[in-house]
Amino acid sequence: MAIPNYWIGVISADHVKVAVTEGVCAFSHGKETAVEKLSAGDRFIYYSPKTGIN
């Protein structure tokens, strides 16, 4: 089994709640090039320096 990569998504807490509710991984403004780097079994955490966008 491959060793998983670890990723940190920096987005607002409001966006984290939406992503968790929807069961998706949200980061990098939806850029496909970033998402294409993810592999099955990778680990992902969020860091939210703000509650909302503003």
PDB file of N, CA and C in Angstrom:
ATOM      1  N   MET A   1       0.842  -1.183   0.000  1.00  0.00           N
ATOM      2  CA  MET A   1       0.000   0.000   0.000  1.00  0.00           C
ATOM      3  C   MET A   1       0.885   1.244   0.000  1.00  0.00           C
ATOM      4  N   ALA A   2       0.501   2.218  -0.808  1.00  0.00           N
ATOM      5  CA  ALA A   2       1.274   3.453  -0.923  1.00  0.00           C
ATOM      6  C   ALA A   2       1.124   4.310   0.326  1.00  0.00           C
ATOM      7  N   ILE A   3       2.145   5.064   0.624  1.00  0.00           N
ATOM      8  CA  ILE A   3       2.097   6.004   1.743  1.00  0.00           C
ATOM      9  C   ILE A   3       1.236   7.190   1.303  1.00  0.00           C
ATOM     10  N   PRO A   4       0.246   7.571   2.139  1.00  0.00           N
ATOM     11  CA  PRO A   4      -0.636   8.673   1.728  1.00  0.00           C
ATOM     12  C   PRO A   4       0.061  10.025   1.785  1.00  0.00           C
ATOM     13  N   ASN A   5      -0.382  10.921   0.933  1.00  0.00           N
ATOM     14  CA  ASN A   5       0.035  12.315   1.005  1.00  0.00           C
ATOM     15  C   ASN A   5      -0.858  13.024   1.999  1.00  0.00           C
ATOM     16  N   TYR A   6      -0.366  14.096   2.559  1.00  0.00           N
ATOM     17  CA  TYR A   6      -1.140  14.899   3.495  1.00  0.00           C
ATOM     18  C   TYR A   6      -1.310  16.291   2.916  1.00  0.00           C
ATOM     19  N   TRP A   7      -2.545  16.787   2.931  1.00  0.00           N
ATOM     20  CA  TRP A   7      -2.892  18.068   2.316  1.00  0.00           C
ATOM     21  C   TRP A   7      -3.538  18.980   3.343  1.00  0.00           C
ATOM     22  N   ILE A   8      -3.300  20.288   3.209  1.00  0.00           N
ATOM     23  CA  ILE A   8      -3.939  21.294   4.059  1.00  0.00           C
ATOM     24  C   ILE A   8      -4.695  22.258   3.152  1.00  0.00           C
ATOM     25  N   GLY A   9      -5.989  22.398   3.403  1.00  0.00           N
ATOM     26  CA  GLY A   9      -6.803  23.363   2.664  1.00  0.00           C
ATOM     27  C   GLY A   9      -7.043  24.584   3.535  1.00  0.00           C
ATOM     28  N   VAL A  10      -6.697  25.757   3.042  1.00  0.00           N
ATOM     29  CA  VAL A  10      -6.886  26.999   3.796  1.00  0.00           C
ATOM     30  C   VAL A  10      -8.106  27.700   3.224  1.00  0.00           C
ATOM     31  N   ILE A  11      -9.241  27.554   3.905  1.00  0.00           N
ATOM     32  CA  ILE A  11     -10.495  28.174   3.485  1.00  0.00           C
ATOM     33  C   ILE A  11     -11.271  28.598   4.725  1.00  0.00           C
ATOM     34  N   SER A  12     -12.270  29.447   4.527  1.00  0.00           N
ATOM     35  CA  SER A  12     -13.053  29.943   5.663  1.00  0.00           C
ATOM     36  C   SER A  12     -13.852  28.804   6.301  1.00  0.00           C
ATOM     37  N   ALA A  13     -14.144  28.968   7.572  1.00  0.00           N
ATOM     38  CA  ALA A  13     -14.914  27.961   8.303  1.00  0.00           C
ATOM     39  C   ALA A  13     -16.283  27.738   7.675  1.00  0.00           C
ATOM     40  N   ASP A  14     -16.899  28.796   7.139  1.00  0.00           N
ATOM     41  CA  ASP A  14     -18.187  28.650   6.463  1.00  0.00           C
ATOM     42  C   ASP A  14     -18.084  27.691   5.280  1.00  0.00           C
ATOM     43  N   HIS A  15     -17.016  27.796   4.516  1.00  0.00           N
ATOM     44  CA  HIS A  15     -16.823  26.913   3.367  1.00  0.00           C
ATOM     45  C   HIS A  15     -16.512  25.482   3.800  1.00  0.00           C
ATOM     46  N   VAL A  16     -15.805  25.328   4.916  1.00  0.00           N
ATOM     47  CA  VAL A  16     -15.543  23.988   5.449  1.00  0.00           C
ATOM     48  C   VAL A  16     -16.861  23.298   5.781  1.00  0.00           C
ATOM     49  N   LYS A  17     -17.766  24.016   6.428  1.00  0.00           N
ATOM     50  CA  LYS A  17     -19.062  23.421   6.791  1.00  0.00           C
ATOM     51  C   LYS A  17     -19.817  22.949   5.557  1.00  0.00           C
ATOM     52  N   VAL A  18     -19.806  23.747   4.502  1.00  0.00           N
ATOM     53  CA  VAL A  18     -20.480  23.362   3.261  1.00  0.00           C
ATOM     54  C   VAL A  18     -19.816  22.117   2.669  1.00  0.00           C
ATOM     55  N   ALA A  19     -18.492  22.103   2.624  1.00  0.00           N
ATOM     56  CA  ALA A  19     -17.768  20.967   2.053  1.00  0.00           C
ATOM     57  C   ALA A  19     -18.057  19.684   2.825  1.00  0.00           C
ATOM     58  N   VAL A  20     -18.037  19.760   4.149  1.00  0.00           N
ATOM     59  CA  VAL A  20     -18.299  18.575   4.969  1.00  0.00           C
ATOM     60  C   VAL A  20     -19.742  18.102   4.774  1.00  0.00           C
ATOM     61  N   THR A  21     -20.681  19.036   4.758  1.00  0.00           N
ATOM     62  CA  THR A  21     -22.091  18.684   4.543  1.00  0.00           C
ATOM     63  C   THR A  21     -22.296  18.008   3.194  1.00  0.00           C
ATOM     64  N   GLU A  22     -21.630  18.522   2.172  1.00  0.00           N
ATOM     65  CA  GLU A  22     -21.768  17.982   0.814  1.00  0.00           C
ATOM     66  C   GLU A  22     -20.913  16.741   0.586  1.00  0.00           C
ATOM     67  N   GLY A  23     -20.002  16.462   1.502  1.00  0.00           N
ATOM     68  CA  GLY A  23     -19.130  15.301   1.357  1.00  0.00           C
ATOM     69  C   GLY A  23     -18.073  15.479   0.282  1.00  0.00           C
ATOM     70  N   VAL A  24     -17.602  16.714   0.132  1.00  0.00           N
ATOM     71  CA  VAL A  24     -16.582  17.007  -0.876  1.00  0.00           C
ATOM     72  C   VAL A  24     -15.352  17.601  -0.211  1.00  0.00           C
ATOM     73  N   CYS A  25     -14.310  17.695  -0.978  1.00  0.00           N
ATOM     74  CA  CYS A  25     -13.063  18.306  -0.546  1.00  0.00           C
ATOM     75  C   CYS A  25     -12.943  19.626  -1.296  1.00  0.00           C
ATOM     76  N   ALA A  26     -13.044  20.742  -0.613  1.00  0.00           N
ATOM     77  CA  ALA A  26     -13.039  22.053  -1.268  1.00  0.00           C
ATOM     78  C   ALA A  26     -11.750  22.800  -0.950  1.00  0.00           C
ATOM     79  N   PHE A  27     -11.030  23.180  -2.005  1.00  0.00           N
ATOM     80  CA  PHE A  27      -9.830  23.984  -1.835  1.00  0.00           C
ATOM     81  C   PHE A  27      -9.350  24.463  -3.195  1.00  0.00           C
ATOM     82  N   SER A  28      -8.444  25.393  -3.204  1.00  0.00           N
ATOM     83  CA  SER A  28      -7.791  25.890  -4.417  1.00  0.00           C
ATOM     84  C   SER A  28      -8.775  26.456  -5.435  1.00  0.00           C
ATOM     85  N   HIS A  29      -9.861  27.041  -4.938  1.00  0.00           N
ATOM     86  CA  HIS A  29     -10.872  27.666  -5.793  1.00  0.00           C
ATOM     87  C   HIS A  29     -11.387  26.733  -6.883  1.00  0.00           C
ATOM     88  N   GLY A  30     -11.358  25.419  -6.611  1.00  0.00           N
ATOM     89  CA  GLY A  30     -11.884  24.444  -7.562  1.00  0.00           C
ATOM     90  C   GLY A  30     -11.003  24.184  -8.773  1.00  0.00           C
ATOM     91  N   LYS A  31      -9.752  24.605  -8.711  1.00  0.00           N
ATOM     92  CA  LYS A  31      -8.840  24.387  -9.838  1.00  0.00           C
ATOM     93  C   LYS A  31      -8.579  22.888 -10.005  1.00  0.00           C
ATOM     94  N   GLU A  32      -8.828  22.397 -11.210  1.00  0.00           N
ATOM     95  CA  GLU A  32      -8.670  20.970 -11.468  1.00  0.00           C
ATOM     96  C   GLU A  32      -7.237  20.500 -11.317  1.00  0.00           C
ATOM     97  N   THR A  33      -6.269  21.346 -11.624  1.00  0.00           N
ATOM     98  CA  THR A  33      -4.868  20.925 -11.519  1.00  0.00           C
ATOM     99  C   THR A  33      -4.508  20.554 -10.083  1.00  0.00           C
ATOM    100  N   ALA A  34      -5.099  21.242  -9.114  1.00  0.00           N
ATOM    101  CA  ALA A  34      -4.840  20.911  -7.711  1.00  0.00           C
ATOM    102  C   ALA A  34      -5.542  19.613  -7.322  1.00  0.00           C
ATOM    103  N   VAL A  35      -6.779  19.456  -7.747  1.00  0.00           N
ATOM    104  CA  VAL A  35      -7.563  18.265  -7.405  1.00  0.00           C
ATOM    105  C   VAL A  35      -6.962  17.015  -8.038  1.00  0.00           C
ATOM    106  N   GLU A  36      -6.410  17.142  -9.219  1.00  0.00           N
ATOM    107  CA  GLU A  36      -5.816  16.002  -9.912  1.00  0.00           C
ATOM    108  C   GLU A  36      -4.628  15.410  -9.155  1.00  0.00           C
ATOM    109  N   LYS A  37      -4.052  16.156  -8.237  1.00  0.00           N
ATOM    110  CA  LYS A  37      -2.906  15.675  -7.464  1.00  0.00           C
ATOM    111  C   LYS A  37      -3.328  14.761  -6.315  1.00  0.00           C
ATOM    112  N   LEU A  38      -4.616  14.765  -5.968  1.00  0.00           N
ATOM    113  CA  LEU A  38      -5.108  13.915  -4.882  1.00  0.00           C
ATOM    114  C   LEU A  38      -5.172  12.465  -5.332  1.00  0.00           C
ATOM    115  N   SER A  39      -4.894  11.558  -4.409  1.00  0.00           N
ATOM    116  CA  SER A  39      -4.980  10.122  -4.673  1.00  0.00           C
ATOM    117  C   SER A  39      -5.852   9.467  -3.601  1.00  0.00           C
ATOM    118  N   ALA A  40      -6.421   8.330  -3.949  1.00  0.00           N
ATOM    119  CA  ALA A  40      -7.212   7.576  -2.974  1.00  0.00           C
ATOM    120  C   ALA A  40      -6.346   7.285  -1.753  1.00  0.00           C
ATOM    121  N   GLY A  41      -6.893   7.502  -0.569  1.00  0.00           N
ATOM    122  CA  GLY A  41      -6.169   7.257   0.672  1.00  0.00           C
ATOM    123  C   GLY A  41      -5.411   8.452   1.205  1.00  0.00           C
ATOM    124  N   ASP A  42      -5.318   9.537   0.432  1.00  0.00           N
ATOM    125  CA  ASP A  42      -4.656  10.739   0.924  1.00  0.00           C
ATOM    126  C   ASP A  42      -5.431  11.310   2.115  1.00  0.00           C
ATOM    127  N   ARG A  43      -4.751  12.025   2.957  1.00  0.00           N
ATOM    128  CA  ARG A  43      -5.366  12.652   4.127  1.00  0.00           C
ATOM    129  C   ARG A  43      -5.473  14.146   3.870  1.00  0.00           C
ATOM    130  N   PHE A  44      -6.568  14.743   4.400  1.00  0.00           N
ATOM    131  CA  PHE A  44      -6.832  16.151   4.129  1.00  0.00           C
ATOM    132  C   PHE A  44      -7.371  16.821   5.373  1.00  0.00           C
ATOM    133  N   ILE A  45      -6.816  17.975   5.727  1.00  0.00           N
ATOM    134  CA  ILE A  45      -7.335  18.758   6.844  1.00  0.00           C
ATOM    135  C   ILE A  45      -7.561  20.192   6.377  1.00  0.00           C
ATOM    136  N   TYR A  46      -8.402  20.902   7.112  1.00  0.00           N
ATOM    137  CA  TYR A  46      -8.662  22.308   6.815  1.00  0.00           C
ATOM    138  C   TYR A  46      -8.081  23.195   7.902  1.00  0.00           C
ATOM    139  N   TYR A  47      -7.571  24.331   7.496  1.00  0.00           N
ATOM    140  CA  TYR A  47      -7.181  25.399   8.407  1.00  0.00           C
ATOM    141  C   TYR A  47      -8.042  26.600   8.038  1.00  0.00           C
ATOM    142  N   SER A  48      -8.747  27.130   9.009  1.00  0.00           N
ATOM    143  CA  SER A  48      -9.659  28.254   8.753  1.00  0.00           C
ATOM    144  C   SER A  48      -9.260  29.459   9.599  1.00  0.00           C
ATOM    145  N   PRO A  49      -8.503  30.382   9.004  1.00  0.00           N
ATOM    146  CA  PRO A  49      -8.121  31.574   9.751  1.00  0.00           C
ATOM    147  C   PRO A  49      -9.273  32.558   9.933  1.00  0.00           C
ATOM    148  N   LYS A  50     -10.358  32.386   9.178  1.00  0.00           N
ATOM    149  CA  LYS A  50     -11.528  33.253   9.281  1.00  0.00           C
ATOM    150  C   LYS A  50     -12.800  32.422   9.307  1.00  0.00           C
ATOM    151  N   THR A  51     -13.850  33.017   9.871  1.00  0.00           N
ATOM    152  CA  THR A  51     -15.146  32.352   9.885  1.00  0.00           C
ATOM    153  C   THR A  51     -15.804  32.439   8.516  1.00  0.00           C
ATOM    154  N   GLY A  52     -15.750  33.625   7.889  1.00  0.00           N
ATOM    155  CA  GLY A  52     -16.368  33.845   6.583  1.00  0.00           C
ATOM    156  C   GLY A  52     -15.395  34.484   5.629  1.00  0.00           C
ATOM    157  N   ILE A  53     -15.881  34.762   4.433  1.00  0.00           N
ATOM    158  CA  ILE A  53     -15.025  35.341   3.400  1.00  0.00           C
ATOM    159  C   ILE A  53     -14.622  36.763   3.743  1.00  0.00           C
ATOM    160  N   ASN A  54     -15.525  37.549   4.297  1.00  0.00           N
ATOM    161  CA  ASN A  54     -15.235  38.957   4.612  1.00  0.00           C
ATOM    162  C   ASN A  54     -14.540  39.132   5.925  1.00  0.00           C
TER     163      ASN A  54
END
